[in-house]
Amino acid sequence: MVTIKEVAERAGVSTSTVSRALSGKIPVNDETKQKVLLAVKELNYQPNVLAQGLKDGKSRTLGLIIPNVRNLVFPAAIRGIEDMAKKHGYTVVLCNTDEDVETEKFYIDNLRRRLIDGFIFSTARPGHEHLLELKREGFPVVFLIRQMGEDVDTITVDNYKGAYDATKYMLLRGLKNIAFINGHMDIFLYQQRFEGYKKALEEAGFPFKEEMVVHEVYGWEDGYQAMTNLLKKNLKIDGVFATSDPKAIGVIRAIKDFGLKVPDDISVMGFDNSDMAPLLDPPLTTVSQPFYEMGAKACERLIKIIEAKKKPKAKVEVLPAEIVVRKSVV
């Protein structure tokens, strides 16, 4: 590996001059700078980013911690984060926890030892007090999609209104018995979506029916099983609101395996507008989340916190969710 000393010898200057010329923080006359750049090119010198980070306390590296890399909501968000990071000269390290707290703590500890500048977390849920402890320590942290209170920087979507609007849309289409396939209720966004669903029913004058609701559903397999169980109860279901597109995929499959048609017999609404939604049969009507924008905003917010001389006040930014109409609802 070529050293900065070798570059200095080739350029005929001191190592400190090489350092100044490459950093761009301290002016160096053009002739000297060109000598240094030529020597760098001839020797194929690669600056030691870690060593530079030790000097100014920054590695220009961000940690992104997500619960499941296979989840359809993350590709667009990750792309938004990476594009924004690249724009500002940062690198992103992606870690997948599989919703395991100990795995999450392991990644946090390891990345902090490697001079990570800040974290974006999409894993927040009760029992993750270690995330709030990072915030209390003054370590730069931004939550994405999931939320833990108002005093931590967060980029999320309007889950309550998104679910309210989706349920109201189905009711206005003439559906009267709408089942609700939900996620884990210890995650705040699923609490919000549940409340939005109930509010829309209440305003329309329809009674809330506990037997039409299934919580703790994770992916499409769980969605399939949950819908199968509902169908076996012979409930008069004419619509299903699934609080994620993967759940909706499982619901549609279960309806078809039961010999019924979507939407002729049962309409299905999703929540996400993942890349798979328009490819389903029928194409899925769903609540769209602006994942790319959310990711980009989360990264921009984190970099702002990292680079600010005075830490800005924490802010929860809630982006709008919009219904994308396709053919899975009558």
Protein backbone atom coordinates (compact mmCIF):
# COMPACT_ATOMS: atom_id res chain seq x y z
CA MET A 1 0.00 0.00 0.00
CA VAL A 2 1.32 3.41 -1.00
CA THR A 3 1.86 5.75 1.95
CA ILE A 4 1.39 9.51 2.22
CA LYS A 5 5.16 9.77 2.76
CA GLU A 6 5.81 8.22 -0.66
CA VAL A 7 3.38 10.68 -2.26
CA ALA A 8 5.20 13.56 -0.54
CA GLU A 9 8.60 12.34 -1.81
CA ARG A 10 7.28 11.98 -5.38
CA ALA A 11 5.75 15.47 -5.30
CA GLY A 12 8.78 17.00 -3.53
CA VAL A 13 6.73 18.40 -0.64
CA SER A 14 6.10 17.56 3.02
CA THR A 15 3.52 15.03 4.20
CA SER A 16 1.57 17.85 5.87
CA THR A 17 1.36 19.66 2.53
CA VAL A 18 -0.02 16.49 0.90
CA SER A 19 -2.58 16.22 3.65
CA ARG A 20 -3.65 19.85 3.23
CA ALA A 21 -3.84 19.55 -0.57
CA LEU A 22 -6.07 16.47 -0.38
CA SER A 23 -8.34 17.67 2.40
CA GLY A 24 -9.18 20.97 0.70
CA LYS A 25 -9.70 22.57 4.12
CA ILE A 26 -6.50 24.65 4.11
CA PRO A 27 -5.50 26.60 0.97
CA VAL A 28 -2.52 25.30 -1.01
CA ASN A 29 -1.18 27.11 -4.07
CA ASP A 30 -2.28 25.63 -7.39
CA GLU A 31 1.19 24.57 -8.57
CA THR A 32 1.85 22.58 -5.38
CA LYS A 33 -1.62 21.06 -5.45
CA GLN A 34 -1.16 19.89 -9.05
CA LYS A 35 2.18 18.25 -8.10
CA VAL A 36 0.46 16.40 -5.27
CA LEU A 37 -2.47 15.28 -7.45
CA LEU A 38 -0.10 14.06 -10.14
CA ALA A 39 1.88 12.04 -7.59
CA VAL A 40 -1.36 10.60 -6.20
CA LYS A 41 -2.41 9.52 -9.70
CA GLU A 42 0.99 8.06 -10.63
CA LEU A 43 1.27 6.07 -7.38
CA ASN A 44 -2.48 5.20 -7.21
CA TYR A 45 -2.56 6.46 -3.64
CA GLN A 46 -5.71 5.68 -1.65
CA PRO A 47 -6.19 7.94 1.42
CA ASN A 48 -6.83 6.16 4.71
CA VAL A 49 -10.37 7.28 5.46
CA LEU A 50 -10.31 5.76 8.95
CA ALA A 51 -7.17 7.69 9.85
CA GLN A 52 -8.75 10.90 8.58
CA GLY A 53 -11.82 10.13 10.65
CA LEU A 54 -9.72 9.80 13.78
CA LYS A 55 -8.53 13.38 13.28
CA ASP A 56 -11.95 15.04 12.93
CA GLY A 57 -14.02 12.45 14.82
CA LYS A 58 -16.05 11.41 11.77
CA SER A 59 -15.89 8.45 9.43
CA ARG A 60 -18.62 9.72 7.06
CA THR A 61 -20.33 6.39 7.53
CA LEU A 62 -23.96 5.81 8.52
CA GLY A 63 -25.52 2.69 10.00
CA LEU A 64 -28.91 1.54 8.69
CA ILE A 65 -30.63 -1.05 10.90
CA ILE A 66 -33.72 -2.77 9.46
CA PRO A 67 -35.82 -5.67 10.79
CA ASN A 68 -36.11 -7.78 7.63
CA VAL A 69 -34.22 -7.22 4.40
CA ARG A 70 -36.79 -9.36 2.54
CA ASN A 71 -39.66 -7.04 3.45
CA LEU A 72 -41.00 -5.36 0.31
CA VAL A 73 -41.15 -1.92 1.96
CA PHE A 74 -37.38 -1.49 2.28
CA PRO A 75 -35.80 -1.53 -1.22
CA ALA A 76 -37.13 1.92 -2.18
CA ALA A 77 -36.35 3.38 1.26
CA ILE A 78 -32.81 2.00 1.15
CA ARG A 79 -32.30 3.48 -2.30
CA GLY A 80 -33.45 6.88 -1.03
CA ILE A 81 -31.02 6.66 1.87
CA GLU A 82 -28.09 5.61 -0.30
CA ASP A 83 -28.72 8.29 -2.92
CA MET A 84 -28.88 11.02 -0.28
CA ALA A 85 -25.82 9.66 1.55
CA LYS A 86 -23.81 9.58 -1.67
CA LYS A 87 -24.85 13.15 -2.45
CA HIS A 88 -23.30 14.28 0.85
CA GLY A 89 -20.21 12.07 0.66
CA TYR A 90 -21.34 9.41 3.13
CA THR A 91 -21.33 5.62 2.98
CA VAL A 92 -24.15 3.43 4.34
CA VAL A 93 -23.68 0.14 6.20
CA LEU A 94 -26.83 -2.03 6.12
CA CYS A 95 -27.61 -4.45 8.97
CA ASN A 96 -30.55 -6.87 9.20
CA THR A 97 -31.80 -7.86 12.68
CA ASP A 98 -34.68 -10.30 11.97
CA GLU A 99 -36.49 -8.45 14.79
CA ASP A 100 -33.96 -9.80 17.31
CA VAL A 101 -32.97 -7.31 20.03
CA GLU A 102 -29.63 -8.97 20.81
CA THR A 103 -28.65 -8.94 17.14
CA GLU A 104 -29.53 -5.26 17.00
CA LYS A 105 -27.38 -4.49 20.07
CA PHE A 106 -24.51 -6.46 18.55
CA TYR A 107 -24.58 -4.34 15.38
CA ILE A 108 -24.86 -1.09 17.33
CA ASP A 109 -21.87 -1.93 19.53
CA ASN A 110 -19.72 -3.05 16.61
CA LEU A 111 -20.53 -0.08 14.40
CA ARG A 112 -19.94 2.42 17.19
CA ARG A 113 -16.47 0.96 17.74
CA ARG A 114 -15.83 1.53 14.04
CA LEU A 115 -16.53 5.28 14.38
CA ILE A 116 -19.99 5.22 12.79
CA ASP A 117 -21.35 8.78 12.67
CA GLY A 118 -25.03 8.01 13.22
CA PHE A 119 -27.86 5.51 12.83
CA ILE A 120 -31.15 5.19 10.97
CA PHE A 121 -33.41 2.65 12.68
CA SER A 122 -36.51 0.96 11.24
CA THR A 123 -36.71 -1.50 14.13
CA ALA A 124 -38.30 0.60 16.91
CA ARG A 125 -40.79 -1.16 19.17
CA PRO A 126 -41.32 -1.57 22.94
CA GLY A 127 -38.34 -3.23 24.60
CA HIS A 128 -35.89 -1.27 22.46
CA GLU A 129 -34.98 1.24 25.16
CA HIS A 130 -31.35 0.99 24.08
CA LEU A 131 -32.31 3.09 21.03
CA LEU A 132 -33.60 5.87 23.24
CA GLU A 133 -30.45 5.60 25.35
CA LEU A 134 -28.39 6.40 22.23
CA LYS A 135 -30.46 9.55 21.80
CA ARG A 136 -29.97 10.52 25.47
CA GLU A 137 -26.21 10.11 25.04
CA GLY A 138 -26.36 12.66 22.24
CA PHE A 139 -25.57 10.12 19.53
CA PRO A 140 -27.17 11.04 16.17
CA VAL A 141 -30.24 8.84 15.61
CA VAL A 142 -33.22 9.01 13.22
CA PHE A 143 -36.15 6.61 13.16
CA LEU A 144 -37.64 5.60 9.82
CA ILE A 145 -41.19 4.22 9.29
CA ARG A 146 -41.53 3.10 12.92
CA GLN A 147 -41.72 5.59 15.76
CA MET A 148 -40.94 5.76 19.49
CA GLY A 149 -42.38 8.97 20.91
CA GLU A 150 -42.19 12.61 19.91
CA ASP A 151 -38.70 13.40 21.25
CA VAL A 152 -36.73 11.39 18.68
CA ASP A 153 -36.25 12.48 15.07
CA THR A 154 -38.57 10.36 12.94
CA ILE A 155 -39.71 10.15 9.33
CA THR A 156 -42.96 8.24 9.02
CA VAL A 157 -46.27 8.21 7.17
CA ASP A 158 -49.76 9.16 8.34
CA ASN A 159 -50.78 5.64 9.31
CA TYR A 160 -54.00 6.68 11.04
CA LYS A 161 -55.35 8.70 8.12
CA GLY A 162 -54.11 6.18 5.56
CA ALA A 163 -56.09 3.41 7.25
CA TYR A 164 -59.09 5.67 7.82
CA ASP A 165 -59.17 6.70 4.15
CA ALA A 166 -58.74 3.11 2.95
CA THR A 167 -61.60 1.83 5.11
CA LYS A 168 -63.82 4.76 4.12
CA TYR A 169 -63.07 4.10 0.44
CA MET A 170 -64.18 0.48 0.80
CA LEU A 171 -67.35 1.52 2.64
CA LEU A 172 -68.19 4.04 -0.07
CA ARG A 173 -67.86 1.25 -2.63
CA GLY A 174 -70.75 -0.49 -0.88
CA LEU A 175 -68.81 -2.96 1.24
CA LYS A 176 -70.37 -3.53 4.66
CA ASN A 177 -68.45 -6.36 6.34
CA ILE A 178 -64.77 -5.49 6.15
CA ALA A 179 -62.32 -7.79 7.91
CA PHE A 180 -59.07 -6.33 9.23
CA ILE A 181 -55.76 -8.23 8.99
CA ASN A 182 -53.22 -6.37 11.14
CA GLY A 183 -49.64 -6.61 12.34
CA HIS A 184 -48.15 -6.71 15.83
CA MET A 185 -49.97 -4.30 18.13
CA ASP A 186 -46.82 -3.44 20.10
CA ILE A 187 -45.66 -1.56 16.98
CA PHE A 188 -47.15 1.93 17.00
CA LEU A 189 -47.97 2.12 13.29
CA TYR A 190 -50.26 -0.92 13.55
CA GLN A 191 -52.02 0.65 16.52
CA GLN A 192 -52.61 3.75 14.39
CA ARG A 193 -53.91 1.76 11.42
CA PHE A 194 -56.28 -0.14 13.70
CA GLU A 195 -57.63 3.11 15.14
CA GLY A 196 -58.12 4.53 11.64
CA TYR A 197 -60.09 1.44 10.60
CA LYS A 198 -62.35 1.62 13.66
CA LYS A 199 -62.95 5.36 13.26
CA ALA A 200 -64.09 4.96 9.65
CA LEU A 201 -66.54 2.22 10.68
CA GLU A 202 -67.86 4.33 13.53
CA GLU A 203 -68.43 7.40 11.37
CA ALA A 204 -70.26 5.32 8.77
CA GLY A 205 -72.53 3.83 11.42
CA PHE A 206 -71.20 0.29 11.15
CA PRO A 207 -70.55 -1.67 14.35
CA PHE A 208 -67.02 -2.83 15.14
CA LYS A 209 -66.88 -6.63 15.14
CA GLU A 210 -64.02 -8.20 17.08
CA GLU A 211 -64.42 -11.50 15.22
CA MET A 212 -63.55 -9.72 11.95
CA VAL A 213 -60.11 -8.65 13.20
CA VAL A 214 -56.85 -10.61 13.30
CA HIS A 215 -53.73 -9.09 14.85
CA GLU A 216 -50.13 -10.37 15.07
CA VAL A 217 -49.94 -11.16 11.34
CA TYR A 218 -46.46 -10.71 9.85
CA GLY A 219 -46.03 -11.71 6.20
CA TRP A 220 -47.92 -13.34 3.37
CA GLU A 221 -47.89 -16.81 4.98
CA ASP A 222 -49.51 -15.45 8.13
CA GLY A 223 -51.92 -13.45 5.98
CA TYR A 224 -52.91 -16.59 4.14
CA GLN A 225 -53.53 -18.49 7.38
CA ALA A 226 -55.42 -15.62 8.98
CA MET A 227 -57.76 -15.31 5.98
CA THR A 228 -58.24 -19.06 5.79
CA ASN A 229 -59.30 -19.11 9.45
CA LEU A 230 -61.77 -16.26 8.89
CA LEU A 231 -63.30 -17.99 5.86
CA LYS A 232 -63.76 -21.22 7.83
CA LYS A 233 -65.88 -19.30 10.35
CA ASN A 234 -68.45 -18.57 7.60
CA LEU A 235 -68.47 -14.87 8.42
CA LYS A 236 -70.23 -12.66 5.89
CA ILE A 237 -67.05 -10.96 4.69
CA ASP A 238 -67.28 -8.83 1.56
CA GLY A 239 -64.01 -6.95 2.00
CA VAL A 240 -60.60 -7.28 3.68
CA PHE A 241 -58.24 -4.49 4.65
CA ALA A 242 -54.73 -5.91 5.13
CA THR A 243 -52.27 -3.52 6.75
CA SER A 244 -49.39 -4.42 4.44
CA ASP A 245 -49.10 -5.62 0.86
CA PRO A 246 -47.49 -8.96 1.85
CA LYS A 247 -50.48 -9.67 4.12
CA ALA A 248 -52.80 -8.77 1.23
CA ILE A 249 -50.96 -11.19 -1.06
CA GLY A 250 -51.64 -14.01 1.42
CA VAL A 251 -55.28 -12.92 1.75
CA ILE A 252 -55.85 -13.01 -2.02
CA ARG A 253 -54.27 -16.45 -2.26
CA ALA A 254 -56.48 -17.80 0.54
CA ILE A 255 -59.64 -16.38 -1.06
CA LYS A 256 -58.80 -18.02 -4.37
CA ASP A 257 -57.92 -21.34 -2.73
CA PHE A 258 -61.36 -21.21 -1.10
CA GLY A 259 -62.93 -21.10 -4.56
CA LEU A 260 -63.88 -17.42 -4.36
CA LYS A 261 -63.00 -14.47 -6.59
CA VAL A 262 -61.36 -11.09 -5.92
CA PRO A 263 -63.09 -8.64 -6.04
CA ASP A 264 -66.36 -10.27 -7.21
CA ASP A 265 -66.85 -12.13 -3.93
CA ILE A 266 -64.42 -10.36 -1.60
CA SER A 267 -62.55 -7.10 -2.17
CA VAL A 268 -59.00 -6.69 -0.84
CA MET A 269 -57.14 -3.51 0.15
CA GLY A 270 -53.41 -3.45 0.97
CA PHE A 271 -51.05 -0.92 2.56
CA ASP A 272 -47.61 -0.04 1.10
CA ASN A 273 -47.88 0.10 -2.70
CA SER A 274 -44.86 -2.16 -3.07
CA ASP A 275 -43.44 -3.01 -6.49
CA MET A 276 -45.43 -6.27 -6.46
CA ALA A 277 -48.83 -4.58 -6.01
CA PRO A 278 -49.58 -3.84 -9.71
CA LEU A 279 -48.37 -7.31 -10.75
CA LEU A 280 -50.86 -9.28 -8.68
CA ASP A 281 -54.01 -10.88 -10.09
CA PRO A 282 -56.00 -8.73 -9.73
CA PRO A 283 -53.70 -5.71 -9.37
CA LEU A 284 -53.84 -4.58 -5.75
CA THR A 285 -55.64 -1.44 -4.59
CA THR A 286 -53.49 -0.21 -1.75
CA VAL A 287 -52.38 2.70 0.41
CA SER A 288 -49.15 4.13 -0.98
CA GLN A 289 -46.24 5.08 1.25
CA PRO A 290 -43.53 7.31 -0.32
CA PHE A 291 -40.69 5.02 0.75
CA TYR A 292 -37.96 6.57 -1.41
CA GLU A 293 -38.79 10.05 -0.15
CA MET A 294 -38.98 8.79 3.44
CA GLY A 295 -35.55 7.18 3.16
CA ALA A 296 -34.00 10.26 1.57
CA LYS A 297 -35.50 12.55 4.22
CA ALA A 298 -34.33 10.28 7.06
CA CYS A 299 -30.77 10.31 5.69
CA GLU A 300 -30.80 14.08 5.13
CA ARG A 301 -32.08 14.63 8.67
CA LEU A 302 -29.37 12.40 10.13
CA ILE A 303 -26.59 14.17 8.24
CA LYS A 304 -27.97 17.52 9.39
CA ILE A 305 -27.80 16.32 13.01
CA ILE A 306 -24.26 14.97 12.56
CA GLU A 307 -22.91 18.14 10.99
CA ALA A 308 -24.78 20.70 13.10
CA LYS A 309 -22.69 22.68 15.58
CA LYS A 310 -25.78 22.97 17.77
CA LYS A 311 -28.03 19.91 17.72
CA PRO A 312 -31.46 20.76 16.26
CA LYS A 313 -34.64 20.05 18.22
CA ALA A 314 -36.10 16.60 17.54
CA LYS A 315 -38.90 16.51 14.98
CA VAL A 316 -41.40 13.86 13.87
CA GLU A 317 -42.19 14.40 10.19
CA VAL A 318 -45.37 12.70 8.98
CA LEU A 319 -45.77 12.29 5.22
CA PRO A 320 -49.15 11.73 3.56
CA ALA A 321 -50.38 8.30 2.50
CA GLU A 322 -52.55 8.04 -0.61
CA ILE A 323 -54.83 5.35 -2.01
CA VAL A 324 -53.76 3.85 -5.33
CA VAL A 325 -56.86 2.45 -7.04
CA ARG A 326 -56.44 -0.73 -9.07
CA LYS A 327 -58.77 -3.72 -9.45
CA SER A 328 -58.86 -5.66 -6.16
CA VAL A 329 -61.72 -3.57 -4.72
CA VAL A 330 -65.15 -3.47 -6.41
